[in-house]
Structure formats: structure tokens, C-alpha cells
């Protein structure tokens, strides 16, 4: 269930960035930004999966917070701070 929420939040974030970049810049800029988000998510997930395999068992910390959920939570936290810096113009109030 937590994994579904994390995937939904990533989808929602990608949709918001796509629409904002499409409105502010162009359609090609929107697709480039979606590509960046997808690549960073995929590569980050692979890297953090390797790291969490060294630390946690597949069961993780319980039935709702297994190793994959831990990986996605760590990745989402790091992505939040990175994208908050990268998309500072979108996060700021005008």
C-alpha cells in the first residue's frame, strides 16, 4: 500500500511538472523534464536497491514496510530535496 502511494505521488509530480513546463516553456521542454524524472527515478531506485540489500532482509521492518518500500522511501526523500532545488521556480510562490 505504501508503494502504491509512492508511485502515485511520483506520477502526480510528473504530471504537474509536465503541465507547468508545457505552459511556461514548450511541449519539448515538458517531455525532456519527464525524461529526466524517469531516468533519475530508475537509476536512483537501482542504486538504492543495491544499498538496502546490504543492510535489510527482504522482509524489511514488517509486512507494510519491506525492503522495496524502504528503498522507495529513501529515494523519494532524496528526490524531494533534489527536485525542490532543481525546480525552485515552480516551488516558489509568485
PDB file of N, CA and C in Angstrom:
ATOM      1  N   UNK A   1       0.818  -1.189   0.000  1.00  0.00           N
ATOM      2  CA  UNK A   1       0.000   0.000   0.000  1.00  0.00           C
ATOM      3  C   UNK A   1       0.867   1.261   0.000  1.00  0.00           C
ATOM      4  N   UNK A   2       1.936   1.240   0.764  1.00  0.00           N
ATOM      5  CA  UNK A   2       2.836   2.392   0.798  1.00  0.00           C
ATOM      6  C   UNK A   2       3.517   2.554  -0.552  1.00  0.00           C
ATOM      7  N   UNK A   3       3.871   1.444  -1.183  1.00  0.00           N
ATOM      8  CA  UNK A   3       4.499   1.503  -2.507  1.00  0.00           C
ATOM      9  C   UNK A   3       3.549   2.133  -3.516  1.00  0.00           C
ATOM     10  N   UNK A   4       2.279   1.783  -3.445  1.00  0.00           N
ATOM     11  CA  UNK A   4       1.291   2.378  -4.355  1.00  0.00           C
ATOM     12  C   UNK A   4       1.199   3.877  -4.158  1.00  0.00           C
ATOM     13  N   UNK A   5       1.231   4.320  -2.918  1.00  0.00           N
ATOM     14  CA  UNK A   5       1.187   5.749  -2.623  1.00  0.00           C
ATOM     15  C   UNK A   5       2.423   6.459  -3.178  1.00  0.00           C
ATOM     16  N   UNK A   6       3.582   5.856  -3.027  1.00  0.00           N
ATOM     17  CA  UNK A   6       4.821   6.459  -3.536  1.00  0.00           C
ATOM     18  C   UNK A   6       4.785   6.551  -5.058  1.00  0.00           C
ATOM     19  N   UNK A   7       4.328   5.490  -5.728  1.00  0.00           N
ATOM     20  CA  UNK A   7       4.220   5.541  -7.189  1.00  0.00           C
ATOM     21  C   UNK A   7       3.201   6.587  -7.634  1.00  0.00           C
ATOM     22  N   UNK A   8       2.086   6.683  -6.928  1.00  0.00           N
ATOM     23  CA  UNK A   8       1.075   7.681  -7.276  1.00  0.00           C
ATOM     24  C   UNK A   8       1.617   9.095  -7.104  1.00  0.00           C
ATOM     25  N   UNK A   9       2.365   9.337  -6.026  1.00  0.00           N
ATOM     26  CA  UNK A   9       2.946  10.667  -5.821  1.00  0.00           C
ATOM     27  C   UNK A   9       3.962  11.001  -6.908  1.00  0.00           C
ATOM     28  N   UNK A  10       4.733  10.016  -7.358  1.00  0.00           N
ATOM     29  CA  UNK A  10       5.661  10.251  -8.464  1.00  0.00           C
ATOM     30  C   UNK A  10       4.903  10.564  -9.754  1.00  0.00           C
ATOM     31  N   UNK A  11       3.825   9.836 -10.005  1.00  0.00           N
ATOM     32  CA  UNK A  11       3.004  10.109 -11.187  1.00  0.00           C
ATOM     33  C   UNK A  11       2.405  11.507 -11.127  1.00  0.00           C
ATOM     34  N   UNK A  12       1.883  11.877  -9.975  1.00  0.00           N
ATOM     35  CA  UNK A  12       1.293  13.206  -9.793  1.00  0.00           C
ATOM     36  C   UNK A  12       2.343  14.299  -9.956  1.00  0.00           C
ATOM     37  N   UNK A  13       3.527  14.100  -9.394  1.00  0.00           N
ATOM     38  CA  UNK A  13       4.615  15.065  -9.544  1.00  0.00           C
ATOM     39  C   UNK A  13       5.011  15.209 -11.011  1.00  0.00           C
ATOM     40  N   UNK A  14       5.139  14.094 -11.715  1.00  0.00           N
ATOM     41  CA  UNK A  14       5.476  14.139 -13.134  1.00  0.00           C
ATOM     42  C   UNK A  14       4.423  14.866 -13.944  1.00  0.00           C
ATOM     43  N   UNK A  15       3.169  14.650 -13.609  1.00  0.00           N
ATOM     44  CA  UNK A  15       2.080  15.333 -14.305  1.00  0.00           C
ATOM     45  C   UNK A  15       2.114  16.836 -14.066  1.00  0.00           C
ATOM     46  N   UNK A  16       2.359  17.246 -12.829  1.00  0.00           N
ATOM     47  CA  UNK A  16       2.442  18.674 -12.504  1.00  0.00           C
ATOM     48  C   UNK A  16       3.611  19.323 -13.234  1.00  0.00           C
ATOM     49  N   UNK A  17       4.762  18.691 -13.217  1.00  0.00           N
ATOM     50  CA  UNK A  17       5.937  19.242 -13.900  1.00  0.00           C
ATOM     51  C   UNK A  17       5.695  19.305 -15.404  1.00  0.00           C
ATOM     52  N   UNK A  18       5.094  18.261 -15.967  1.00  0.00           N
ATOM     53  CA  UNK A  18       4.818  18.249 -17.400  1.00  0.00           C
ATOM     54  C   UNK A  18       3.919  19.419 -17.792  1.00  0.00           C
ATOM     55  N   UNK A  19       2.840  19.609 -17.066  1.00  0.00           N
ATOM     56  CA  UNK A  19       1.896  20.684 -17.403  1.00  0.00           C
ATOM     57  C   UNK A  19       2.532  22.053 -17.209  1.00  0.00           C
ATOM     58  N   UNK A  20       3.257  22.230 -16.105  1.00  0.00           N
ATOM     59  CA  UNK A  20       3.889  23.538 -15.857  1.00  0.00           C
ATOM     60  C   UNK A  20       4.933  23.876 -16.910  1.00  0.00           C
ATOM     61  N   UNK A  21       5.763  22.911 -17.272  1.00  0.00           N
ATOM     62  CA  UNK A  21       6.786  23.165 -18.293  1.00  0.00           C
ATOM     63  C   UNK A  21       6.157  23.366 -19.667  1.00  0.00           C
ATOM     64  N   UNK A  22       5.069  22.655 -19.942  1.00  0.00           N
ATOM     65  CA  UNK A  22       4.375  22.820 -21.210  1.00  0.00           C
ATOM     66  C   UNK A  22       3.780  24.222 -21.313  1.00  0.00           C
ATOM     67  N   UNK A  23       3.200  24.714 -20.219  1.00  0.00           N
ATOM     68  CA  UNK A  23       2.611  26.051 -20.221  1.00  0.00           C
ATOM     69  C   UNK A  23       3.673  27.140 -20.241  1.00  0.00           C
ATOM     70  N   UNK A  24       4.720  26.978 -19.455  1.00  0.00           N
ATOM     71  CA  UNK A  24       5.727  28.031 -19.321  1.00  0.00           C
ATOM     72  C   UNK A  24       6.742  28.039 -20.457  1.00  0.00           C
ATOM     73  N   UNK A  25       7.108  26.878 -20.968  1.00  0.00           N
ATOM     74  CA  UNK A  25       8.164  26.808 -21.981  1.00  0.00           C
ATOM     75  C   UNK A  25       7.624  26.235 -23.288  1.00  0.00           C
ATOM     76  N   UNK A  26       7.680  24.917 -23.450  1.00  0.00           N
ATOM     77  CA  UNK A  26       7.186  24.289 -24.681  1.00  0.00           C
ATOM     78  C   UNK A  26       6.902  22.814 -24.413  1.00  0.00           C
ATOM     79  N   UNK A  27       6.304  22.176 -25.405  1.00  0.00           N
ATOM     80  CA  UNK A  27       5.994  20.756 -25.273  1.00  0.00           C
ATOM     81  C   UNK A  27       7.265  19.910 -25.222  1.00  0.00           C
ATOM     82  N   UNK A  28       8.270  20.292 -25.996  1.00  0.00           N
ATOM     83  CA  UNK A  28       9.526  19.533 -25.971  1.00  0.00           C
ATOM     84  C   UNK A  28      10.225  19.663 -24.616  1.00  0.00           C
ATOM     85  N   UNK A  29      10.170  20.842 -23.996  1.00  0.00           N
ATOM     86  CA  UNK A  29      10.750  21.014 -22.658  1.00  0.00           C
ATOM     87  C   UNK A  29      10.013  20.160 -21.635  1.00  0.00           C
ATOM     88  N   UNK A  30       8.706  20.026 -21.798  1.00  0.00           N
ATOM     89  CA  UNK A  30       7.925  19.190 -20.885  1.00  0.00           C
ATOM     90  C   UNK A  30       8.347  17.725 -21.001  1.00  0.00           C
ATOM     91  N   UNK A  31       8.534  17.245 -22.234  1.00  0.00           N
ATOM     92  CA  UNK A  31       8.961  15.855 -22.423  1.00  0.00           C
ATOM     93  C   UNK A  31      10.391  15.630 -21.926  1.00  0.00           C
ATOM     94  N   UNK A  32      11.250  16.605 -22.102  1.00  0.00           N
ATOM     95  CA  UNK A  32      12.624  16.480 -21.595  1.00  0.00           C
ATOM     96  C   UNK A  32      12.623  16.388 -20.072  1.00  0.00           C
ATOM     97  N   UNK A  33      11.798  17.185 -19.409  1.00  0.00           N
ATOM     98  CA  UNK A  33      11.723  17.141 -17.949  1.00  0.00           C
ATOM     99  C   UNK A  33      11.127  15.829 -17.459  1.00  0.00           C
ATOM    100  N   UNK A  34      10.134  15.298 -18.158  1.00  0.00           N
ATOM    101  CA  UNK A  34       9.583  13.992 -17.791  1.00  0.00           C
ATOM    102  C   UNK A  34      10.647  12.909 -17.964  1.00  0.00           C
ATOM    103  N   UNK A  35      11.419  13.013 -19.042  1.00  0.00           N
ATOM    104  CA  UNK A  35      12.514  12.064 -19.250  1.00  0.00           C
ATOM    105  C   UNK A  35      13.529  12.117 -18.126  1.00  0.00           C
ATOM    106  N   UNK A  36      13.862  13.328 -17.686  1.00  0.00           N
ATOM    107  CA  UNK A  36      14.792  13.488 -16.565  1.00  0.00           C
ATOM    108  C   UNK A  36      14.247  12.836 -15.302  1.00  0.00           C
ATOM    109  N   UNK A  37      12.984  13.061 -15.014  1.00  0.00           N
ATOM    110  CA  UNK A  37      12.370  12.487 -13.818  1.00  0.00           C
ATOM    111  C   UNK A  37      12.376  10.963 -13.894  1.00  0.00           C
ATOM    112  N   UNK A  38      12.039  10.413 -15.050  1.00  0.00           N
ATOM    113  CA  UNK A  38      12.001   8.954 -15.207  1.00  0.00           C
ATOM    114  C   UNK A  38      13.399   8.350 -15.080  1.00  0.00           C
ATOM    115  N   UNK A  39      14.385   8.988 -15.701  1.00  0.00           N
ATOM    116  CA  UNK A  39      15.758   8.467 -15.619  1.00  0.00           C
ATOM    117  C   UNK A  39      16.283   8.525 -14.186  1.00  0.00           C
ATOM    118  N   UNK A  40      16.083   9.654 -13.502  1.00  0.00           N
ATOM    119  CA  UNK A  40      16.555   9.761 -12.117  1.00  0.00           C
ATOM    120  C   UNK A  40      15.848   8.769 -11.206  1.00  0.00           C
ATOM    121  N   UNK A  41      14.556   8.549 -11.427  1.00  0.00           N
ATOM    122  CA  UNK A  41      13.820   7.582 -10.621  1.00  0.00           C
ATOM    123  C   UNK A  41      14.353   6.170 -10.857  1.00  0.00           C
ATOM    124  N   UNK A  42      14.541   5.801 -12.116  1.00  0.00           N
ATOM    125  CA  UNK A  42      15.004   4.446 -12.443  1.00  0.00           C
ATOM    126  C   UNK A  42      16.413   4.178 -11.926  1.00  0.00           C
ATOM    127  N   UNK A  43      17.319   5.098 -12.189  1.00  0.00           N
ATOM    128  CA  UNK A  43      18.705   4.918 -11.745  1.00  0.00           C
ATOM    129  C   UNK A  43      18.793   4.971 -10.221  1.00  0.00           C
ATOM    130  N   UNK A  44      18.093   5.916  -9.623  1.00  0.00           N
ATOM    131  CA  UNK A  44      18.100   6.020  -8.163  1.00  0.00           C
ATOM    132  C   UNK A  44      17.537   4.786  -7.498  1.00  0.00           C
ATOM    133  N   UNK A  45      16.463   4.244  -8.053  1.00  0.00           N
ATOM    134  CA  UNK A  45      15.861   3.040  -7.488  1.00  0.00           C
ATOM    135  C   UNK A  45      16.843   1.873  -7.564  1.00  0.00           C
ATOM    136  N   UNK A  46      17.547   1.740  -8.675  1.00  0.00           N
ATOM    137  CA  UNK A  46      18.525   0.656  -8.818  1.00  0.00           C
ATOM    138  C   UNK A  46      19.670   0.801  -7.820  1.00  0.00           C
ATOM    139  N   UNK A  47      20.186   2.005  -7.684  1.00  0.00           N
ATOM    140  CA  UNK A  47      21.310   2.235  -6.770  1.00  0.00           C
ATOM    141  C   UNK A  47      20.901   1.996  -5.324  1.00  0.00           C
ATOM    142  N   UNK A  48      19.755   2.548  -4.926  1.00  0.00           N
ATOM    143  CA  UNK A  48      19.338   2.380  -3.537  1.00  0.00           C
ATOM    144  C   UNK A  48      18.874   0.961  -3.236  1.00  0.00           C
ATOM    145  N   UNK A  49      18.435   0.217  -4.240  1.00  0.00           N
ATOM    146  CA  UNK A  49      18.116  -1.197  -4.031  1.00  0.00           C
ATOM    147  C   UNK A  49      19.381  -1.977  -3.692  1.00  0.00           C
ATOM    148  N   UNK A  50      20.472  -1.674  -4.404  1.00  0.00           N
ATOM    149  CA  UNK A  50      21.743  -2.348  -4.090  1.00  0.00           C
ATOM    150  C   UNK A  50      22.183  -2.035  -2.659  1.00  0.00           C
ATOM    151  N   UNK A  51      22.024  -0.777  -2.243  1.00  0.00           N
ATOM    152  CA  UNK A  51      22.455  -0.399  -0.897  1.00  0.00           C
ATOM    153  C   UNK A  51      21.569  -1.001   0.188  1.00  0.00           C
ATOM    154  N   UNK A  52      20.262  -1.018  -0.025  1.00  0.00           N
ATOM    155  CA  UNK A  52      19.386  -1.572   1.009  1.00  0.00           C
ATOM    156  C   UNK A  52      19.490  -3.093   1.089  1.00  0.00           C
ATOM    157  N   UNK A  53      19.905  -3.747   0.005  1.00  0.00           N
ATOM    158  CA  UNK A  53      20.123  -5.195   0.065  1.00  0.00           C
ATOM    159  C   UNK A  53      21.277  -5.541   0.995  1.00  0.00           C
ATOM    160  N   UNK A  54      22.221  -4.626   1.148  1.00  0.00           N
ATOM    161  CA  UNK A  54      23.342  -4.861   2.056  1.00  0.00           C
ATOM    162  C   UNK A  54      22.935  -4.728   3.521  1.00  0.00           C
ATOM    163  N   UNK A  55      21.889  -3.951   3.785  1.00  0.00           N
ATOM    164  CA  UNK A  55      21.531  -3.619   5.161  1.00  0.00           C
ATOM    165  C   UNK A  55      20.318  -4.399   5.659  1.00  0.00           C
ATOM    166  N   UNK A  56      19.272  -4.522   4.819  1.00  0.00           N
ATOM    167  CA  UNK A  56      18.000  -5.090   5.261  1.00  0.00           C
ATOM    168  C   UNK A  56      17.740  -6.449   4.631  1.00  0.00           C
ATOM    169  N   UNK A  57      17.015  -7.278   5.364  1.00  0.00           N
ATOM    170  CA  UNK A  57      16.498  -8.535   4.844  1.00  0.00           C
ATOM    171  C   UNK A  57      15.303  -8.230   3.940  1.00  0.00           C
ATOM    172  N   UNK A  58      14.882  -9.174   3.095  1.00  0.00           N
ATOM    173  CA  UNK A  58      13.730  -8.912   2.216  1.00  0.00           C
ATOM    174  C   UNK A  58      12.448  -8.562   2.970  1.00  0.00           C
ATOM    175  N   UNK A  59      12.310  -9.054   4.204  1.00  0.00           N
ATOM    176  CA  UNK A  59      11.118  -8.751   4.993  1.00  0.00           C
ATOM    177  C   UNK A  59      11.105  -7.305   5.473  1.00  0.00           C
ATOM    178  N   UNK A  60      12.275  -6.690   5.534  1.00  0.00           N
ATOM    179  CA  UNK A  60      12.365  -5.289   5.956  1.00  0.00           C
ATOM    180  C   UNK A  60      12.026  -5.106   7.417  1.00  0.00           C
ATOM    181  N   UNK A  61      11.164  -4.126   7.685  1.00  0.00           N
ATOM    182  CA  UNK A  61      10.788  -3.814   9.058  1.00  0.00           C
ATOM    183  C   UNK A  61       9.377  -4.272   9.396  1.00  0.00           C
ATOM    184  N   UNK A  62       8.772  -5.052   8.557  1.00  0.00           N
ATOM    185  CA  UNK A  62       7.427  -5.547   8.812  1.00  0.00           C
ATOM    186  C   UNK A  62       6.677  -5.775   7.517  1.00  0.00           C
ATOM    187  N   UNK A  63       5.420  -6.156   7.658  1.00  0.00           N
ATOM    188  CA  UNK A  63       4.632  -6.500   6.482  1.00  0.00           C
ATOM    189  C   UNK A  63       4.341  -5.287   5.604  1.00  0.00           C
ATOM    190  N   UNK A  64       4.210  -4.118   6.176  1.00  0.00           N
ATOM    191  CA  UNK A  64       3.882  -2.917   5.404  1.00  0.00           C
ATOM    192  C   UNK A  64       5.114  -2.136   4.971  1.00  0.00           C
ATOM    193  N   UNK A  65       6.269  -2.468   5.514  1.00  0.00           N
ATOM    194  CA  UNK A  65       7.476  -1.689   5.231  1.00  0.00           C
ATOM    195  C   UNK A  65       8.626  -2.638   4.901  1.00  0.00           C
ATOM    196  N   UNK A  66       8.483  -3.346   3.779  1.00  0.00           N
ATOM    197  CA  UNK A  66       9.517  -4.289   3.368  1.00  0.00           C
ATOM    198  C   UNK A  66      10.695  -3.554   2.726  1.00  0.00           C
ATOM    199  N   UNK A  67      11.648  -4.322   2.218  1.00  0.00           N
ATOM    200  CA  UNK A  67      12.878  -3.727   1.688  1.00  0.00           C
ATOM    201  C   UNK A  67      12.610  -2.811   0.493  1.00  0.00           C
ATOM    202  N   UNK A  68      11.689  -3.182  -0.376  1.00  0.00           N
ATOM    203  CA  UNK A  68      11.371  -2.328  -1.524  1.00  0.00           C
ATOM    204  C   UNK A  68      10.738  -1.013  -1.083  1.00  0.00           C
ATOM    205  N   UNK A  69       9.903  -1.069  -0.076  1.00  0.00           N
ATOM    206  CA  UNK A  69       9.289   0.155   0.443  1.00  0.00           C
ATOM    207  C   UNK A  69      10.332   1.049   1.094  1.00  0.00           C
ATOM    208  N   UNK A  70      11.263   0.459   1.808  1.00  0.00           N
ATOM    209  CA  UNK A  70      12.352   1.237   2.407  1.00  0.00           C
ATOM    210  C   UNK A  70      13.164   1.919   1.312  1.00  0.00           C
ATOM    211  N   UNK A  71      13.470   1.175   0.247  1.00  0.00           N
ATOM    212  CA  UNK A  71      14.229   1.741  -0.871  1.00  0.00           C
ATOM    213  C   UNK A  71      13.497   2.916  -1.491  1.00  0.00           C
ATOM    214  N   UNK A  72      12.218   2.752  -1.775  1.00  0.00           N
ATOM    215  CA  UNK A  72      11.449   3.830  -2.397  1.00  0.00           C
ATOM    216  C   UNK A  72      11.268   5.021  -1.462  1.00  0.00           C
ATOM    217  N   UNK A  73      11.191   4.782  -0.169  1.00  0.00           N
ATOM    218  CA  UNK A  73      11.078   5.887   0.784  1.00  0.00           C
ATOM    219  C   UNK A  73      12.363   6.700   0.822  1.00  0.00           C
ATOM    220  N   UNK A  74      13.496   6.034   0.863  1.00  0.00           N
ATOM    221  CA  UNK A  74      14.786   6.742   0.842  1.00  0.00           C
ATOM    222  C   UNK A  74      14.941   7.515  -0.461  1.00  0.00           C
ATOM    223  N   UNK A  75      14.627   6.868  -1.575  1.00  0.00           N
ATOM    224  CA  UNK A  75      14.722   7.523  -2.880  1.00  0.00           C
ATOM    225  C   UNK A  75      13.803   8.737  -2.962  1.00  0.00           C
ATOM    226  N   UNK A  76      12.582   8.604  -2.497  1.00  0.00           N
ATOM    227  CA  UNK A  76      11.631   9.720  -2.557  1.00  0.00           C
ATOM    228  C   UNK A  76      12.077  10.888  -1.698  1.00  0.00           C
ATOM    229  N   UNK A  77      12.669  10.602  -0.556  1.00  0.00           N
ATOM    230  CA  UNK A  77      13.165  11.673   0.307  1.00  0.00           C
ATOM    231  C   UNK A  77      14.297  12.436  -0.369  1.00  0.00           C
ATOM    232  N   UNK A  78      15.226  11.724  -0.950  1.00  0.00           N
ATOM    233  CA  UNK A  78      16.344  12.381  -1.640  1.00  0.00           C
ATOM    234  C   UNK A  78      15.849  13.118  -2.877  1.00  0.00           C
ATOM    235  N   UNK A  79      14.920  12.509  -3.619  1.00  0.00           N
ATOM    236  CA  UNK A  79      14.353  13.183  -4.788  1.00  0.00           C
ATOM    237  C   UNK A  79      13.620  14.462  -4.405  1.00  0.00           C
ATOM    238  N   UNK A  80      12.937  14.439  -3.289  1.00  0.00           N
ATOM    239  CA  UNK A  80      12.217  15.633  -2.845  1.00  0.00           C
ATOM    240  C   UNK A  80      13.170  16.818  -2.708  1.00  0.00           C
ATOM    241  N   UNK A  81      14.279  16.612  -2.020  1.00  0.00           N
ATOM    242  CA  UNK A  81      15.219  17.717  -1.826  1.00  0.00           C
ATOM    243  C   UNK A  81      15.912  18.114  -3.123  1.00  0.00           C
ATOM    244  N   UNK A  82      16.237  17.135  -3.972  1.00  0.00           N
ATOM    245  CA  UNK A  82      16.866  17.460  -5.248  1.00  0.00           C
ATOM    246  C   UNK A  82      15.916  18.254  -6.145  1.00  0.00           C
ATOM    247  N   UNK A  83      14.685  17.769  -6.288  1.00  0.00           N
ATOM    248  CA  UNK A  83      13.744  18.457  -7.166  1.00  0.00           C
ATOM    249  C   UNK A  83      13.291  19.787  -6.581  1.00  0.00           C
ATOM    250  N   UNK A  84      13.302  19.901  -5.282  1.00  0.00           N
ATOM    251  CA  UNK A  84      12.977  21.196  -4.659  1.00  0.00           C
ATOM    252  C   UNK A  84      14.032  22.232  -5.049  1.00  0.00           C
ATOM    253  N   UNK A  85      15.274  21.813  -5.160  1.00  0.00           N
ATOM    254  CA  UNK A  85      16.345  22.708  -5.612  1.00  0.00           C
ATOM    255  C   UNK A  85      16.276  22.916  -7.124  1.00  0.00           C
ATOM    256  N   UNK A  86      16.075  21.829  -7.880  1.00  0.00           N
ATOM    257  CA  UNK A  86      16.098  21.894  -9.348  1.00  0.00           C
ATOM    258  C   UNK A  86      14.909  22.681  -9.900  1.00  0.00           C
ATOM    259  N   UNK A  87      13.743  22.486  -9.317  1.00  0.00           N
ATOM    260  CA  UNK A  87      12.540  23.201  -9.747  1.00  0.00           C
ATOM    261  C   UNK A  87      12.177  24.290  -8.741  1.00  0.00           C
ATOM    262  N   UNK A  88      13.138  25.089  -8.362  1.00  0.00           N
ATOM    263  CA  UNK A  88      12.898  26.147  -7.373  1.00  0.00           C
ATOM    264  C   UNK A  88      11.880  27.161  -7.876  1.00  0.00           C
ATOM    265  N   UNK A  89      11.842  27.404  -9.185  1.00  0.00           N
ATOM    266  CA  UNK A  89      10.882  28.359  -9.728  1.00  0.00           C
ATOM    267  C   UNK A  89       9.443  27.858  -9.610  1.00  0.00           C
ATOM    268  N   UNK A  90       9.236  26.559  -9.641  1.00  0.00           N
ATOM    269  CA  UNK A  90       7.887  26.009  -9.514  1.00  0.00           C
ATOM    270  C   UNK A  90       7.455  25.970  -8.054  1.00  0.00           C
ATOM    271  N   UNK A  91       8.386  25.697  -7.152  1.00  0.00           N
ATOM    272  CA  UNK A  91       8.052  25.617  -5.739  1.00  0.00           C
ATOM    273  C   UNK A  91       7.866  26.984  -5.093  1.00  0.00           C
ATOM    274  N   UNK A  92       8.411  28.029  -5.690  1.00  0.00           N
ATOM    275  CA  UNK A  92       8.302  29.353  -5.083  1.00  0.00           C
ATOM    276  C   UNK A  92       6.932  29.958  -5.364  1.00  0.00           C
ATOM    277  N   UNK A  93       6.485  30.781  -4.451  1.00  0.00           N
ATOM    278  CA  UNK A  93       5.194  31.459  -4.587  1.00  0.00           C
ATOM    279  C   UNK A  93       5.422  32.768  -5.312  1.00  0.00           C
ATOM    280  N   UNK A  94       4.636  32.991  -6.354  1.00  0.00           N
ATOM    281  CA  UNK A  94       4.805  34.212  -7.142  1.00  0.00           C
ATOM    282  C   UNK A  94       3.822  35.274  -6.723  1.00  0.00           C
TER     283      UNK A  94
END
